Amino acid sequence: MSPGESKKFKTPAADAYGPHRDDLIMTVDRGELPSDLDPAVGDELELEQDDESFVVRVTDVSPETVTLDANHPLAGEALTFEIELLEVV
């Protein structure tokens, strides 16, 4: 590429954050959550399991249950990049 030149390329989901996996979605009873937690759709929570921690997003809330999604927010999405070379140093 030369300065001022731009390129656009697309990365398929499989080569980016992978496919969206249904097995990473779980619905839990509210009683399993801390009593002082008032989850809302879009919240991110950190869960710990077997000395490992991971972030989940709240995708649904009902009076009895909360649905959590451990997929990366971009899982299942192809990524498009557009780059422009400004200068060579």
Foldseek 3Di string as FASTA:
>chain_A
DAAFDKDKDKAALCRPQEAFDPVQKDKDFPVVDPPPDDDDAQDWDWDDDPNDIAIWGFHDDDPTITMTGRRDPCRRHMDMDMDGHHHDD
